[in-house]
């Protein structure tokens, strides 16, 4: 997702433009209830209702009175959880009943993700389903006070096509907050890794200094309130895994980490290859089967760099040892999946590349696409019509990635030295967020922009 500071200077001189980018059922509170919602396309195979009631129990099993929630929620059979319920957005219905107690104080509304089979897990803290299934208004995601967020699935189409010439991004004031981290806005900095998580857009703010540079996670609400969600995160790209956890590409620690924004804890998922840390983990994509794909350039790597090559990796579900997707890609950058998860897209300094994805998560040989329109790329996003939004220099290049790749149009923004990433968010996921890097708070400065869109898109 990310541009080197050396590349930035060139982009600046060329005159830059801004821009860059379920769940188990909600837990019933005392006296309350939480029922799985209907999926967008049908009734779950064996979902059940979870009646609340002070001290009451929630029987599981098929034959219940409420269909399963999106993404395969599981009805609990333990005592009801405390403090309220949440509602998510639908995915494919689930099929199994859980036996663990309902999660305590679930608070995050959400939905299952795209294009995969729905997950299902019950227990303390509540499980969250992965990407998958048709849209609907299904079960909510249980949480433990902000540690997880349910994943999003696109609603049923058709969708209005984007018209880049009519998209007008505006800068969000107060991003980043001016303080000692960025020398009160006087230092060069980079806003990166946009992800819509727990009802707000989250980004990484990467500071200046020697490699690997410090970074922190910022939270920006729809009302424009800006706060520091996780200081010293070390992150660049951010994403949401199939358990609903916020995960980040950590160039300081040299691995892929989970982040709990309530407990302020981070835990590595994978941190070494061939007994050495990664160079500079950059961007992340997550398949509904749990496979994590990530790029590892050397933009923010320590010297000497720990890995002899820059690569794209994948981490199979439950694994702690990565597998190489591509070892010949020089400084791979942005990564994302197609809506149906049959293709992985990767950007680098030579353009945009498409890899076929097999059923087990492995990939085939890359093909370069949109060769006449994308000559280099940073972070990417995707809308619910399947169009890619590729950040490149001062533009967001919108591409239909089928076939050889067709240009839809370009969004050009003045005000940053280079665009770094995009993500969709907001209540209906029809707000496009674009991040950028730049020199302090000058005319070409780091920041984040927003634009209303005619169609929804994915949260990272």
Protein backbone atom coordinates (compact mmCIF):
# COMPACT_ATOMS: atom_id res chain seq x y z
CA UNK A 1 0.00 0.00 0.00
CA UNK A 2 2.72 2.20 0.51
CA UNK A 3 5.03 4.57 -1.17
CA UNK A 4 8.62 5.07 -0.19
CA UNK A 5 9.65 8.46 1.01
CA UNK A 6 12.20 8.55 -1.80
CA UNK A 7 9.46 8.05 -4.34
CA UNK A 8 7.47 10.77 -2.70
CA UNK A 9 9.92 13.48 -3.56
CA UNK A 10 9.56 12.63 -7.23
CA UNK A 11 5.80 12.54 -6.99
CA UNK A 12 5.85 15.93 -5.27
CA UNK A 13 8.02 17.46 -7.95
CA UNK A 14 5.61 16.18 -10.55
CA UNK A 15 2.83 18.05 -8.72
CA UNK A 16 0.72 15.76 -6.66
CA UNK A 17 -2.90 15.29 -6.04
CA UNK A 18 -4.61 13.95 -3.04
CA UNK A 19 -6.16 10.80 -2.71
CA UNK A 20 -5.49 7.44 -2.10
CA UNK A 21 -8.01 3.24 -0.66
CA UNK A 22 -20.75 -12.42 10.80
CA UNK A 23 -21.05 -13.06 13.03
CA UNK A 24 -22.40 -14.92 15.85
CA UNK A 25 -25.58 -13.62 17.29
CA UNK A 26 -25.50 -10.55 19.49
CA UNK A 27 -25.51 -11.31 23.19
CA UNK A 28 -28.75 -10.71 25.05
CA UNK A 29 -28.66 -8.45 28.07
CA UNK A 30 -30.49 -8.99 31.29
CA UNK A 31 -34.15 -8.87 30.46
CA UNK A 32 -33.31 -8.44 26.78
CA UNK A 33 -33.08 -10.77 23.83
CA UNK A 34 -31.01 -11.35 20.74
CA UNK A 35 -32.33 -13.19 17.75
CA UNK A 36 -30.55 -14.05 14.55
CA UNK A 37 -31.85 -12.02 11.66
CA UNK A 38 -33.07 -13.25 8.33
CA UNK A 39 -30.39 -13.62 5.71
CA UNK A 40 -30.72 -11.68 2.49
CA UNK A 41 -31.59 -14.78 0.55
CA UNK A 42 -33.15 -17.35 2.81
CA UNK A 43 -33.47 -19.03 6.16
CA UNK A 44 -30.52 -20.59 7.95
CA UNK A 45 -30.19 -24.31 8.08
CA UNK A 46 -30.38 -24.77 11.81
CA UNK A 47 -30.35 -21.40 13.51
CA UNK A 48 -32.32 -20.86 16.66
CA UNK A 49 -33.68 -18.10 18.76
CA UNK A 50 -31.93 -16.89 21.86
CA UNK A 51 -34.54 -15.52 24.23
CA UNK A 52 -33.16 -13.30 26.96
CA UNK A 53 -34.56 -12.76 30.39
CA UNK A 54 -32.85 -12.03 33.61
CA UNK A 55 -30.96 -15.14 34.46
CA UNK A 56 -32.65 -17.06 31.64
CA UNK A 57 -30.95 -19.56 29.36
CA UNK A 58 -30.90 -19.50 25.59
CA UNK A 59 -31.65 -22.92 24.08
CA UNK A 60 -29.88 -23.82 20.87
CA UNK A 61 -30.88 -26.05 18.06
CA UNK A 62 -32.77 -26.27 14.82
CA UNK A 63 -36.45 -25.77 14.93
CA UNK A 64 -36.08 -22.49 16.79
CA UNK A 65 -38.37 -19.63 16.03
CA UNK A 66 -35.80 -17.30 14.46
CA UNK A 67 -33.66 -18.03 11.44
CA UNK A 68 -29.92 -17.95 11.72
CA UNK A 69 -28.16 -14.60 11.51
CA UNK A 70 -25.85 -13.50 8.86
CA UNK A 71 -22.53 -15.21 8.52
CA UNK A 72 -23.72 -18.17 10.50
CA UNK A 73 -24.51 -17.06 13.98
CA UNK A 74 -24.75 -19.80 16.60
CA UNK A 75 -27.38 -19.84 19.24
CA UNK A 76 -25.89 -20.21 22.69
CA UNK A 77 -27.22 -22.51 25.34
CA UNK A 78 -25.57 -20.89 28.32
CA UNK A 79 -26.85 -18.01 30.39
CA UNK A 80 -27.57 -14.75 28.64
CA UNK A 81 -24.74 -12.24 28.38
CA UNK A 82 -24.87 -8.91 30.08
CA UNK A 83 -25.48 -5.47 28.68
CA UNK A 84 -27.38 -5.22 25.50
CA UNK A 85 -27.46 -6.61 21.97
CA UNK A 86 -26.13 -5.68 18.60
CA UNK A 87 -27.41 -6.23 15.12
CA UNK A 88 -25.29 -7.09 12.16
CA UNK A 89 -25.78 -7.36 8.46
CA UNK A 90 -26.53 -10.66 6.81
CA UNK A 91 -24.46 -13.30 5.19
CA UNK A 92 -25.13 -16.98 4.56
CA UNK A 93 -27.00 -18.64 7.31
CA UNK A 94 -25.29 -20.94 9.70
CA UNK A 95 -25.89 -24.55 10.40
CA UNK A 96 -24.72 -25.54 13.84
CA UNK A 97 -25.70 -24.78 17.37
CA UNK A 98 -23.16 -23.62 19.89
CA UNK A 99 -22.86 -24.65 23.47
CA UNK A 100 -20.80 -21.87 25.01
CA UNK A 101 -22.22 -18.98 26.99
CA UNK A 102 -23.14 -15.83 25.14
CA UNK A 103 -20.42 -13.19 24.81
CA UNK A 104 -20.38 -10.42 27.34
CA UNK A 105 -21.36 -6.90 26.37
CA UNK A 106 -21.34 -7.30 22.61
CA UNK A 107 -21.31 -3.88 21.10
CA UNK A 108 -20.22 -3.93 17.50
CA UNK A 109 -22.78 -3.93 14.71
CA UNK A 110 -21.65 -5.52 11.53
CA UNK A 111 -21.94 -8.13 8.90
CA UNK A 112 -20.30 -11.14 7.42
CA UNK A 113 -17.83 -10.59 4.66
CA UNK A 114 -17.88 -11.21 0.99
CA UNK A 115 -17.90 -14.21 -1.18
CA UNK A 116 -17.10 -17.06 1.18
CA UNK A 117 -18.86 -19.51 3.41
CA UNK A 118 -20.06 -18.14 6.67
CA UNK A 119 -18.22 -18.80 9.85
CA UNK A 120 -19.85 -19.89 13.08
CA UNK A 121 -18.50 -19.85 16.56
CA UNK A 122 -19.98 -19.32 19.97
CA UNK A 123 -18.41 -18.81 23.32
CA UNK A 124 -17.22 -16.14 25.64
CA UNK A 125 -16.71 -12.94 23.73
CA UNK A 126 -18.75 -14.16 20.78
CA UNK A 127 -17.48 -15.32 17.41
CA UNK A 128 -17.71 -13.36 14.22
CA UNK A 129 -18.26 -14.94 10.84
CA UNK A 130 -16.01 -14.44 7.87
CA UNK A 131 -16.76 -12.99 4.48
CA UNK A 132 -19.56 -14.74 2.76
CA UNK A 133 -23.13 -14.92 1.76
CA UNK A 134 -25.81 -12.72 0.39
CA UNK A 135 -26.74 -9.51 2.10
CA UNK A 136 -29.54 -9.18 4.57
CA UNK A 137 -30.19 -8.01 8.08
CA UNK A 138 -28.85 -10.84 10.13
CA UNK A 139 -27.26 -11.62 13.42
CA UNK A 140 -25.00 -9.21 15.20
CA UNK A 141 -21.48 -9.79 16.29
CA UNK A 142 -20.73 -10.32 19.92
CA UNK A 143 -17.69 -8.64 21.31
CA UNK A 144 -15.87 -7.84 24.47
CA UNK A 145 -16.06 -4.08 24.39
CA UNK A 146 -14.35 -3.10 21.14
CA UNK A 147 -11.97 -5.99 20.46
CA UNK A 148 -13.83 -7.20 17.35
CA UNK A 149 -16.03 -5.88 14.57
CA UNK A 150 -18.25 -7.90 12.29
CA UNK A 151 -17.37 -8.04 8.61
CA UNK A 152 -19.30 -6.55 5.74
CA UNK A 153 -20.92 -8.21 2.74
CA UNK A 154 -22.17 -6.34 -0.29
CA UNK A 155 -25.95 -6.11 -0.68
CA UNK A 156 -27.62 -7.52 -3.76
CA UNK A 157 -27.22 -5.38 -6.87
CA UNK A 158 -27.59 -3.97 -9.40
CA UNK A 159 -25.42 -0.95 -8.59
CA UNK A 160 -25.06 2.48 -10.09
CA UNK A 161 -21.76 2.76 -11.93
CA UNK A 162 -19.25 5.25 -10.48
CA UNK A 163 -18.64 8.42 -12.50
CA UNK A 164 -15.22 9.67 -11.40
CA UNK A 165 -15.77 13.14 -12.87
CA UNK A 166 -18.67 13.67 -10.46
CA UNK A 167 -16.83 12.40 -7.35
CA UNK A 168 -15.66 15.31 -5.19
CA UNK A 169 -13.46 14.34 -2.26
CA UNK A 170 -13.15 16.77 0.65
CA UNK A 171 -10.44 16.74 3.29
CA UNK A 172 -11.37 15.74 6.83
CA UNK A 173 -10.12 18.35 9.26
CA UNK A 174 -7.93 17.38 12.20
CA UNK A 175 -6.25 14.33 10.64
CA UNK A 176 -3.70 13.75 11.95
CA UNK A 177 -3.96 15.42 15.36
CA UNK A 178 -1.07 17.86 15.71
CA UNK A 179 1.18 16.85 18.59
CA UNK A 180 4.70 15.71 19.38
CA UNK A 181 4.31 12.58 17.24
CA UNK A 182 4.42 14.72 14.08
CA UNK A 183 6.18 17.79 15.51
CA UNK A 184 2.86 19.65 15.57
CA UNK A 185 2.33 18.99 11.90
CA UNK A 186 5.71 20.24 10.76
CA UNK A 187 7.22 16.87 9.85
CA UNK A 188 6.71 14.71 6.80
CA UNK A 189 4.13 12.00 7.45
CA UNK A 190 1.99 9.33 5.87
CA UNK A 191 -1.67 8.44 6.48
CA UNK A 192 -2.20 4.84 5.39
CA UNK A 193 -4.06 1.57 5.73
CA UNK A 194 -7.68 2.77 5.84
CA UNK A 195 -10.23 0.27 7.21
CA UNK A 196 -13.84 0.73 8.34
CA UNK A 197 -13.87 -0.98 11.74
CA UNK A 198 -16.29 -0.80 14.68
CA UNK A 199 -18.37 2.01 13.16
CA UNK A 200 -15.50 4.36 12.26
CA UNK A 201 -12.67 4.71 9.79
CA UNK A 202 -9.27 3.72 11.19
CA UNK A 203 -5.93 4.63 9.62
CA UNK A 204 -2.23 4.31 10.37
CA UNK A 205 -0.24 7.51 10.82
CA UNK A 206 3.39 6.76 9.94
CA UNK A 207 5.90 9.23 11.31
CA UNK A 208 9.31 10.29 10.09
CA UNK A 209 12.69 9.14 11.31
CA UNK A 210 14.96 6.22 10.71
CA UNK A 211 13.58 2.92 9.44
CA UNK A 212 11.50 1.34 10.71
CA UNK A 213 9.57 4.54 11.51
CA UNK A 214 7.04 4.79 14.36
CA UNK A 215 3.32 4.68 13.63
CA UNK A 216 0.01 4.80 15.46
CA UNK A 217 -3.63 4.00 14.68
CA UNK A 218 -6.12 6.88 14.47
CA UNK A 219 -9.91 6.60 14.69
CA UNK A 220 -12.14 9.06 12.81
CA UNK A 221 -15.91 9.01 13.37
CA UNK A 222 -18.50 10.00 10.78
CA UNK A 223 -18.95 13.22 12.73
CA UNK A 224 -15.27 14.00 12.24
CA UNK A 225 -14.05 13.33 15.80
CA UNK A 226 -10.41 12.23 15.71
CA UNK A 227 -8.72 10.18 18.44
CA UNK A 228 -5.64 8.02 18.92
CA UNK A 229 -6.95 4.45 18.95
CA UNK A 230 -3.61 2.68 19.47
CA UNK A 231 -0.33 4.52 20.11
CA UNK A 232 2.92 2.92 18.93
CA UNK A 233 1.15 0.33 16.78
CA UNK A 234 3.95 0.04 14.23
CA UNK A 235 1.32 -0.45 11.52
CA UNK A 236 0.95 0.32 7.87
CA UNK A 237 -1.92 -1.60 6.22
CA UNK A 238 -4.97 -2.55 8.33
CA UNK A 239 -7.69 -5.17 7.77
CA UNK A 240 -10.30 -7.32 9.56
CA UNK A 241 -9.82 -11.07 9.89
CA UNK A 242 -12.51 -13.76 9.84
CA UNK A 243 -12.86 -13.55 13.63
CA UNK A 244 -13.67 -9.86 13.35
CA UNK A 245 -10.36 -8.74 14.81
CA UNK A 246 -8.45 -5.71 13.65
CA UNK A 247 -5.17 -6.87 12.15
CA UNK A 248 -2.24 -4.83 10.92
CA UNK A 249 0.93 -5.10 8.86
CA UNK A 250 3.54 -4.13 11.45
CA UNK A 251 6.76 -2.82 9.91
CA UNK A 252 8.27 -2.13 13.34
CA UNK A 253 7.77 -5.66 14.66
CA UNK A 254 8.17 -7.20 11.22
CA UNK A 255 4.99 -9.30 11.14
CA UNK A 256 1.20 -9.46 10.94
CA UNK A 257 -0.42 -8.64 14.29
CA UNK A 258 -3.85 -8.54 15.86
CA UNK A 259 -4.83 -5.36 17.76
CA UNK A 260 -7.26 -5.08 20.64
CA UNK A 261 -8.18 -1.40 20.89
CA UNK A 262 -9.80 -1.84 24.30
CA UNK A 263 -7.04 -3.72 26.09
CA UNK A 264 -4.35 -1.94 24.05
CA UNK A 265 -2.66 -5.26 23.30
CA UNK A 266 -1.15 -6.63 20.11
CA UNK A 267 -0.31 -10.24 19.29
CA UNK A 268 1.67 -11.57 16.33
CA UNK A 269 -0.09 -13.96 13.94
CA UNK A 270 3.06 -14.55 11.90
CA UNK A 271 6.38 -12.81 12.38
CA UNK A 272 9.16 -14.82 10.71
CA UNK A 273 10.14 -16.54 7.49
CA UNK A 274 13.24 -18.73 7.40
CA UNK A 275 13.93 -17.78 11.04
CA UNK A 276 14.11 -14.03 10.30
CA UNK A 277 11.56 -11.24 10.71
CA UNK A 278 9.89 -9.84 7.61
CA UNK A 279 11.28 -6.75 5.89
CA UNK A 280 8.41 -4.26 6.06
CA UNK A 281 4.91 -5.82 6.02
CA UNK A 282 2.77 -3.41 4.07
CA UNK A 283 -0.74 -4.41 3.00
CA UNK A 284 -3.19 -7.19 3.87
CA UNK A 285 -6.10 -9.07 2.29
CA UNK A 286 -8.16 -11.74 4.09
CA UNK A 287 -10.03 -14.61 2.40
CA UNK A 288 -13.28 -15.91 3.92
CA UNK A 289 -11.56 -19.28 4.51
CA UNK A 290 -9.16 -17.49 6.88
CA UNK A 291 -6.17 -17.24 4.55
CA UNK A 292 -4.23 -13.99 5.03
CA UNK A 293 -2.32 -12.51 2.08
CA UNK A 294 0.23 -9.77 2.62
CA UNK A 295 2.99 -7.88 0.84
CA UNK A 296 6.49 -7.46 2.24
CA UNK A 297 8.51 -4.77 0.45
CA UNK A 298 11.52 -3.10 2.05
CA UNK A 299 10.20 0.48 2.21
CA UNK A 300 10.39 0.71 6.02
CA UNK A 301 12.75 -2.21 6.61
CA UNK A 302 15.68 -2.00 9.03
CA UNK A 303 19.17 -2.11 7.59
CA UNK A 304 20.40 -4.60 6.62
CA UNK A 305 17.02 -5.91 5.51
CA UNK A 306 16.11 -9.20 7.23
CA UNK A 307 14.85 -10.97 4.09
CA UNK A 308 17.00 -11.27 0.99
CA UNK A 309 13.98 -10.77 -1.29
CA UNK A 310 10.76 -8.78 -1.26
CA UNK A 311 7.79 -11.12 -1.57
CA UNK A 312 4.04 -11.66 -1.40
CA UNK A 313 3.02 -14.24 1.23
CA UNK A 314 -0.04 -16.13 2.38
CA UNK A 315 -0.78 -17.58 5.80
CA UNK A 316 -3.18 -20.57 5.67
CA UNK A 317 -5.97 -20.69 8.28
CA UNK A 318 -4.56 -21.40 11.75
CA UNK A 319 -0.97 -21.52 10.51
CA UNK A 320 1.97 -19.61 11.94
CA UNK A 321 4.30 -20.34 9.03
CA UNK A 322 3.78 -18.32 5.83
CA UNK A 323 3.95 -19.64 2.29
CA UNK A 324 5.34 -17.64 -0.63
CA UNK A 325 2.87 -16.42 -3.25
CA UNK A 326 5.45 -14.60 -5.38
CA UNK A 327 9.16 -14.17 -4.76
CA UNK A 328 9.85 -12.33 -8.01
CA UNK A 329 7.74 -9.25 -7.30
CA UNK A 330 10.01 -6.28 -6.64
CA UNK A 331 8.62 -4.30 -3.68
CA UNK A 332 5.02 -5.54 -3.85
CA UNK A 333 2.64 -3.00 -2.38
CA UNK A 334 -1.17 -3.07 -2.32
CA UNK A 335 -3.10 -6.35 -2.08
CA UNK A 336 -6.80 -7.08 -2.29
CA UNK A 337 -9.18 -9.86 -3.36
CA UNK A 338 -11.96 -9.89 -5.96
CA UNK A 339 -15.48 -9.97 -4.54
CA UNK A 340 -15.83 -13.69 -5.29
CA UNK A 341 -12.29 -14.29 -3.98
CA UNK A 342 -11.20 -16.09 -7.15
CA UNK A 343 -8.48 -13.51 -7.83
CA UNK A 344 -5.79 -11.79 -5.80
CA UNK A 345 -4.62 -8.36 -7.00
CA UNK A 346 -1.17 -6.95 -6.22
CA UNK A 347 0.37 -3.60 -7.15
CA UNK A 348 4.04 -2.72 -7.46
CA UNK A 349 6.25 -0.22 -9.26
CA UNK A 350 5.46 -1.91 -12.59
CA UNK A 351 1.66 -1.87 -12.41
CA UNK A 352 -1.32 -4.02 -11.41
CA UNK A 353 -1.14 -7.83 -11.34
CA UNK A 354 -3.89 -10.49 -11.06
CA UNK A 355 -3.34 -13.98 -9.60
CA UNK A 356 -5.94 -16.77 -9.82
CA UNK A 357 -6.82 -18.11 -6.35
CA UNK A 358 -7.40 -21.85 -5.92
CA UNK A 359 -9.87 -23.43 -3.50
CA UNK A 360 -7.15 -24.08 -0.93
CA UNK A 361 -5.97 -20.46 -1.03
CA UNK A 362 -2.92 -21.11 -3.17
CA UNK A 363 -2.42 -18.95 -6.25
CA UNK A 364 -1.49 -19.35 -9.89
CA UNK A 365 0.70 -17.32 -12.20
CA UNK A 366 0.26 -13.54 -12.25
CA UNK A 367 -1.01 -11.58 -15.25
CA UNK A 368 -0.48 -7.86 -15.57
CA UNK A 369 -3.74 -6.01 -16.32
CA UNK A 370 -4.75 -2.43 -17.15
CA UNK A 371 -1.30 -2.00 -18.67
CA UNK A 372 -2.16 1.27 -20.43
CA UNK A 373 -3.62 2.87 -17.31
CA UNK A 374 -1.82 1.64 -14.19
CA UNK A 375 1.95 2.01 -14.40
CA UNK A 376 2.58 1.75 -10.65
CA UNK A 377 0.32 1.37 -7.67
CA UNK A 378 -0.07 1.67 -3.93
CA UNK A 379 -3.04 0.57 -1.80
CA UNK A 380 -6.33 -0.60 -3.32
CA UNK A 381 -10.02 -0.93 -2.54
CA UNK A 382 -12.97 -2.53 -4.33
CA UNK A 383 -16.61 -1.51 -4.74
CA UNK A 384 -19.64 -3.81 -4.75
CA UNK A 385 -19.70 -3.85 -8.55
CA UNK A 386 -16.21 -5.36 -8.50
CA UNK A 387 -14.31 -2.28 -9.68
CA UNK A 388 -10.79 -1.79 -8.28
CA UNK A 389 -9.71 1.60 -6.89
CA UNK A 390 -5.93 1.75 -7.32
CA UNK A 391 -3.97 4.59 -5.76
CA UNK A 392 -1.13 5.80 -7.93
CA UNK A 393 0.76 9.05 -7.46
CA UNK A 394 -1.90 11.77 -7.08
CA UNK A 395 -4.80 9.71 -8.42
CA UNK A 396 -7.25 6.97 -7.63
CA UNK A 397 -7.53 4.93 -10.83
CA UNK A 398 -10.80 3.00 -11.11
CA UNK A 399 -10.45 -0.19 -13.14
CA UNK A 400 -12.79 -2.99 -14.17
CA UNK A 401 -10.36 -5.88 -13.55
CA UNK A 402 -11.99 -8.46 -15.82
CA UNK A 403 -10.18 -9.56 -18.94
CA UNK A 404 -7.29 -7.28 -19.79
CA UNK A 405 -8.59 -4.64 -17.36
CA UNK A 406 -10.63 -1.63 -18.49
CA UNK A 407 -10.31 1.95 -17.28
CA UNK A 408 -13.49 3.30 -15.65
CA UNK A 409 -11.99 6.69 -14.79
CA UNK A 410 -9.67 8.59 -12.47
CA UNK A 411 -10.11 10.73 -9.37
CA UNK A 412 -7.44 13.41 -9.05
CA UNK A 413 -6.92 15.25 -5.77
CA UNK A 414 -4.63 18.14 -5.10
CA UNK A 415 -3.31 18.59 -1.60
CA UNK A 416 -1.15 15.56 -0.92
CA UNK A 417 2.13 14.46 -2.36
CA UNK A 418 0.79 11.00 -3.16
CA UNK A 419 -2.27 8.84 -2.59
CA UNK A 420 -1.69 5.79 -0.43
CA UNK A 421 -4.93 3.84 0.10
CA UNK A 422 -8.72 3.72 -0.07
CA UNK A 423 -11.61 2.10 1.83
CA UNK A 424 -15.40 2.29 1.84
CA UNK A 425 -17.29 3.04 5.04
CA UNK A 426 -20.15 4.94 6.59
CA UNK A 427 -23.55 3.65 7.63
CA UNK A 428 -24.31 2.27 4.16
CA UNK A 429 -20.69 1.81 3.02
CA UNK A 430 -21.18 4.48 0.34
CA UNK A 431 -18.45 6.81 1.60
CA UNK A 432 -15.09 6.50 -0.11
CA UNK A 433 -12.11 7.34 2.13
CA UNK A 434 -8.80 8.25 0.48
CA UNK A 435 -5.52 8.58 2.38
CA UNK A 436 -2.37 10.41 1.41
CA UNK A 437 1.15 11.31 2.48
CA UNK A 438 2.87 14.66 2.42
CA UNK A 439 5.07 17.26 4.00
CA UNK A 440 3.55 18.24 7.30
CA UNK A 441 0.47 20.41 7.02
CA UNK A 442 1.50 22.43 3.94
CA UNK A 443 -0.17 22.63 0.55
CA UNK A 444 0.77 19.01 -0.19
CA UNK A 445 0.26 17.40 3.17
CA UNK A 446 -0.65 14.07 4.70
CA UNK A 447 -4.34 13.55 5.43
CA UNK A 448 -7.57 11.74 4.61
CA UNK A 449 -10.39 12.69 2.25
CA UNK A 450 -13.98 11.51 1.94
CA UNK A 451 -16.44 11.40 -0.96
CA UNK A 452 -20.05 10.29 -1.28
CA UNK A 453 -20.43 7.43 -3.72
CA UNK A 454 -23.38 6.11 -5.77
CA UNK A 455 -22.63 2.53 -4.72
CA UNK A 456 -21.20 0.75 -1.67
CA UNK A 457 -17.83 -0.92 -1.34
CA UNK A 458 -15.67 -3.05 0.92
CA UNK A 459 -14.22 -1.81 4.22
CA UNK A 460 -10.55 -2.45 3.29
